[in-house]
N, C-alpha and C. Protein backbone atom coordinates (compact mmCIF):
# COMPACT_ATOMS: atom_id res chain seq x y z
N MET A 1 4.55 -9.85 5.69
CA MET A 1 5.46 -9.07 6.22
C MET A 1 4.70 -8.69 7.74
N GLN A 2 3.41 -8.28 7.68
CA GLN A 2 2.92 -7.66 8.86
C GLN A 2 2.89 -8.88 9.87
N ASN A 3 2.74 -10.04 9.51
CA ASN A 3 2.68 -11.19 10.41
C ASN A 3 4.15 -11.35 11.05
N ALA A 4 5.14 -11.13 10.31
CA ALA A 4 6.52 -11.47 10.73
C ALA A 4 6.82 -10.15 11.56
N LEU A 5 6.45 -9.00 11.29
CA LEU A 5 6.66 -7.84 12.23
C LEU A 5 6.04 -7.90 13.58
N GLN A 6 4.70 -8.28 13.60
CA GLN A 6 3.90 -8.55 14.70
C GLN A 6 4.52 -9.71 15.63
N HIS A 7 5.14 -10.59 14.94
CA HIS A 7 5.82 -11.60 15.79
C HIS A 7 6.81 -11.20 16.75
N HIS A 8 7.38 -10.03 16.32
CA HIS A 8 8.62 -9.74 16.71
C HIS A 8 8.28 -8.48 17.69
N GLN A 9 7.14 -8.42 18.17
CA GLN A 9 6.66 -7.56 19.28
C GLN A 9 6.60 -6.03 18.66
N PHE A 10 6.46 -5.84 17.30
CA PHE A 10 6.30 -4.43 16.89
C PHE A 10 4.80 -4.17 17.10
N GLY A 11 4.36 -3.09 17.39
CA GLY A 11 2.82 -2.82 17.67
C GLY A 11 1.86 -2.87 16.29
N GLN A 12 0.85 -2.61 16.37
CA GLN A 12 0.00 -2.94 15.13
C GLN A 12 0.19 -1.79 14.31
N SER A 13 0.34 -0.62 14.79
CA SER A 13 0.46 0.88 14.15
C SER A 13 1.63 0.84 13.31
N SER A 14 2.81 0.24 13.98
CA SER A 14 4.03 0.24 13.50
C SER A 14 4.40 -0.60 12.26
N THR A 15 3.36 -1.84 12.25
CA THR A 15 3.52 -2.77 11.13
C THR A 15 2.86 -2.28 10.16
N VAL A 16 1.74 -1.54 10.41
CA VAL A 16 1.04 -1.05 9.11
C VAL A 16 1.73 0.23 8.51
N VAL A 17 2.41 0.96 9.37
CA VAL A 17 3.32 2.10 8.67
C VAL A 17 4.53 1.52 8.06
N CYS A 18 5.07 0.69 8.63
CA CYS A 18 6.25 -0.18 8.14
C CYS A 18 5.78 -0.59 6.37
N SER A 19 4.75 -1.49 6.41
CA SER A 19 4.39 -1.91 5.52
C SER A 19 4.16 -0.83 4.24
N GLY A 20 3.41 0.11 4.77
CA GLY A 20 3.14 1.29 3.86
C GLY A 20 4.27 1.94 3.33
N LEU A 21 5.34 2.17 4.09
CA LEU A 21 6.65 2.80 3.59
C LEU A 21 7.38 1.73 2.66
N LEU A 22 7.22 0.42 3.03
CA LEU A 22 7.90 -0.52 1.95
C LEU A 22 7.13 -0.27 0.70
N PHE A 23 5.83 -0.40 0.77
CA PHE A 23 5.16 -0.16 -0.59
C PHE A 23 5.74 1.28 -1.28
N ALA A 24 5.82 2.21 -0.86
CA ALA A 24 5.99 3.40 -1.34
C ALA A 24 7.62 3.36 -1.89
N VAL A 25 8.40 2.71 -1.28
CA VAL A 25 9.97 2.30 -1.91
C VAL A 25 9.77 1.88 -3.04
N VAL A 26 8.97 0.84 -3.27
CA VAL A 26 8.87 0.07 -4.48
C VAL A 26 8.23 0.89 -5.54
N HIS A 27 7.69 2.03 -5.30
CA HIS A 27 6.94 2.78 -6.09
C HIS A 27 7.74 4.16 -6.46
N LEU A 28 9.04 4.17 -5.94
CA LEU A 28 9.83 5.50 -6.14
C LEU A 28 10.09 5.56 -7.68
N PRO A 29 10.08 4.91 -8.71
CA PRO A 29 10.28 5.14 -9.81
C PRO A 29 9.32 6.22 -10.71
N GLY A 30 8.01 6.25 -9.72
CA GLY A 30 6.91 6.89 -10.25
C GLY A 30 7.12 8.26 -10.00
N GLY A 31 7.95 8.63 -9.35
CA GLY A 31 8.24 10.01 -9.02
C GLY A 31 7.53 10.61 -7.73
N LEU A 32 8.06 11.51 -6.91
CA LEU A 32 7.84 11.77 -5.46
C LEU A 32 6.44 11.94 -5.29
N ALA A 33 5.47 12.45 -5.92
CA ALA A 33 4.07 12.61 -5.63
C ALA A 33 3.23 11.29 -5.76
N TYR A 34 3.83 10.34 -6.69
CA TYR A 34 3.20 9.24 -6.79
C TYR A 34 3.61 8.29 -5.58
N THR A 35 4.93 8.50 -5.23
CA THR A 35 5.50 7.70 -4.11
C THR A 35 4.63 8.03 -3.06
N VAL A 36 4.46 9.27 -2.37
CA VAL A 36 3.71 9.76 -1.39
C VAL A 36 2.27 9.18 -1.30
N LEU A 37 1.57 9.25 -2.74
CA LEU A 37 0.43 8.55 -2.78
C LEU A 37 0.32 7.20 -2.47
N ALA A 38 1.37 6.21 -2.86
CA ALA A 38 1.63 4.97 -2.95
C ALA A 38 1.64 4.68 -1.42
N SER A 39 2.39 5.50 -0.65
CA SER A 39 2.46 5.29 0.83
C SER A 39 1.26 5.15 1.48
N LEU A 40 0.31 6.16 1.11
CA LEU A 40 -1.05 6.31 1.86
C LEU A 40 -1.78 4.98 1.41
N LEU A 41 -1.58 4.42 0.03
CA LEU A 41 -2.15 3.29 -0.46
C LEU A 41 -1.77 2.09 0.43
N GLY A 42 -0.38 1.98 0.53
CA GLY A 42 0.14 0.89 1.18
C GLY A 42 -0.36 0.76 2.65
N ILE A 43 -0.44 1.94 3.41
CA ILE A 43 -0.96 1.92 4.60
C ILE A 43 -2.46 1.50 4.80
N GLY A 44 -3.37 2.17 3.62
CA GLY A 44 -4.57 1.57 3.69
C GLY A 44 -4.67 0.08 3.55
N CYS A 45 -3.89 -0.43 2.41
CA CYS A 45 -4.00 -1.91 2.22
C CYS A 45 -3.46 -2.58 3.37
N ALA A 46 -2.48 -2.23 4.07
CA ALA A 46 -1.88 -2.98 5.13
C ALA A 46 -2.97 -2.76 6.43
N TYR A 47 -3.66 -1.73 6.58
CA TYR A 47 -4.57 -1.59 7.44
C TYR A 47 -5.89 -2.49 7.25
N GLY A 48 -6.08 -2.44 5.89
CA GLY A 48 -7.41 -3.65 5.51
C GLY A 48 -6.94 -4.94 5.80
N TYR A 49 -5.64 -5.34 5.53
CA TYR A 49 -5.41 -6.62 5.93
C TYR A 49 -5.43 -6.95 7.17
N GLN A 50 -4.85 -6.19 8.04
CA GLN A 50 -4.83 -6.16 9.52
C GLN A 50 -6.23 -6.35 10.11
N LYS A 51 -7.05 -5.71 9.66
CA LYS A 51 -8.37 -5.91 10.21
C LYS A 51 -9.15 -7.01 9.70
N THR A 52 -8.99 -7.29 8.63
CA THR A 52 -9.82 -8.81 8.17
C THR A 52 -8.88 -9.92 8.10
N ASN A 53 -7.57 -9.94 8.31
CA ASN A 53 -6.76 -10.88 7.90
C ASN A 53 -7.19 -11.97 6.71
N ASN A 54 -7.52 -10.88 5.66
CA ASN A 54 -7.79 -11.49 4.39
C ASN A 54 -7.05 -10.93 3.32
N ILE A 55 -6.33 -11.58 2.57
CA ILE A 55 -5.09 -11.02 1.57
C ILE A 55 -6.09 -10.56 0.52
N LEU A 56 -7.35 -11.04 0.11
CA LEU A 56 -8.04 -10.29 -0.89
C LEU A 56 -8.43 -8.90 -0.68
N VAL A 57 -8.67 -8.43 0.56
CA VAL A 57 -8.84 -7.05 0.87
C VAL A 57 -7.82 -6.08 0.28
N PRO A 58 -6.58 -6.14 0.52
CA PRO A 58 -5.55 -5.24 -0.17
C PRO A 58 -5.40 -5.43 -1.47
N ILE A 59 -5.66 -6.75 -2.00
CA ILE A 59 -5.66 -6.99 -3.31
C ILE A 59 -6.69 -6.19 -4.16
N TYR A 60 -7.94 -6.31 -3.56
CA TYR A 60 -8.99 -5.56 -4.16
C TYR A 60 -8.83 -3.80 -4.13
N ILE A 61 -8.36 -3.70 -3.17
CA ILE A 61 -7.95 -2.08 -2.73
C ILE A 61 -6.90 -1.64 -3.84
N HIS A 62 -6.00 -2.46 -3.99
CA HIS A 62 -4.91 -2.08 -4.97
C HIS A 62 -5.42 -2.15 -6.36
N PHE A 63 -6.31 -3.11 -6.67
CA PHE A 63 -6.85 -3.17 -8.13
C PHE A 63 -7.68 -1.88 -8.42
N VAL A 64 -8.58 -1.64 -7.46
CA VAL A 64 -9.55 -0.47 -7.48
C VAL A 64 -8.64 0.85 -7.78
N PHE A 65 -7.60 1.02 -7.04
CA PHE A 65 -6.87 2.28 -7.12
C PHE A 65 -6.20 2.44 -8.53
N ASN A 66 -5.62 1.21 -8.93
CA ASN A 66 -4.93 0.97 -10.30
C ASN A 66 -6.03 1.37 -11.38
N LEU A 67 -7.26 0.76 -11.21
CA LEU A 67 -8.24 1.11 -12.12
C LEU A 67 -8.83 2.53 -12.38
N MET A 68 -8.63 3.14 -11.25
CA MET A 68 -9.25 4.62 -11.20
C MET A 68 -8.02 5.58 -11.83
N HIS A 69 -6.87 5.05 -11.56
CA HIS A 69 -5.70 5.95 -12.30
C HIS A 69 -5.72 5.57 -13.85
N PHE A 70 -5.82 4.20 -13.98
CA PHE A 70 -6.04 4.24 -15.44
C PHE A 70 -7.21 4.83 -16.29
N CYS A 71 -8.33 4.89 -15.46
CA CYS A 71 -9.48 5.35 -16.10
C CYS A 71 -9.25 6.80 -16.23
N PHE A 72 -8.65 7.53 -15.36
CA PHE A 72 -8.64 8.91 -15.42
C PHE A 72 -7.38 9.48 -16.03
N PHE A 73 -6.37 8.43 -16.53
CA PHE A 73 -5.28 9.07 -17.20
C PHE A 73 -4.26 9.68 -16.40
N THR A 74 -4.40 9.35 -14.95
CA THR A 74 -3.38 9.73 -14.19
C THR A 74 -2.09 8.62 -13.76
N TYR A 75 -2.25 7.43 -14.55
CA TYR A 75 -1.05 6.45 -14.23
C TYR A 75 0.24 7.23 -14.66
N PRO A 76 1.16 7.22 -13.70
CA PRO A 76 2.24 7.85 -14.17
C PRO A 76 3.16 7.16 -15.12
N PHE A 77 3.16 5.84 -15.44
CA PHE A 77 3.72 5.50 -16.33
C PHE A 77 3.30 5.42 -17.92
N LEU A 78 2.01 6.12 -18.04
CA LEU A 78 1.41 6.22 -19.16
C LEU A 78 1.57 7.55 -19.78
N ALA A 79 2.09 8.20 -18.78
CA ALA A 79 2.29 9.90 -18.95
C ALA A 79 3.30 10.13 -20.07
């Protein structure tokens, strides 16, 4: 998605924010607090991808984030 947005002359910051917001929308069923947290995670993942151009970076970030949620019993769908 980021590559497509950058191709259409969106700025780098705009593509990161748009990616993060789309990531948040997908996580709306988790509730408002989780959606806000997901938007921050999405922005972080998008930024990581943008800086490295390596899809493994956001995959690892997402994995570690989910693992922390699971280990500390804060994963919203397990509540």
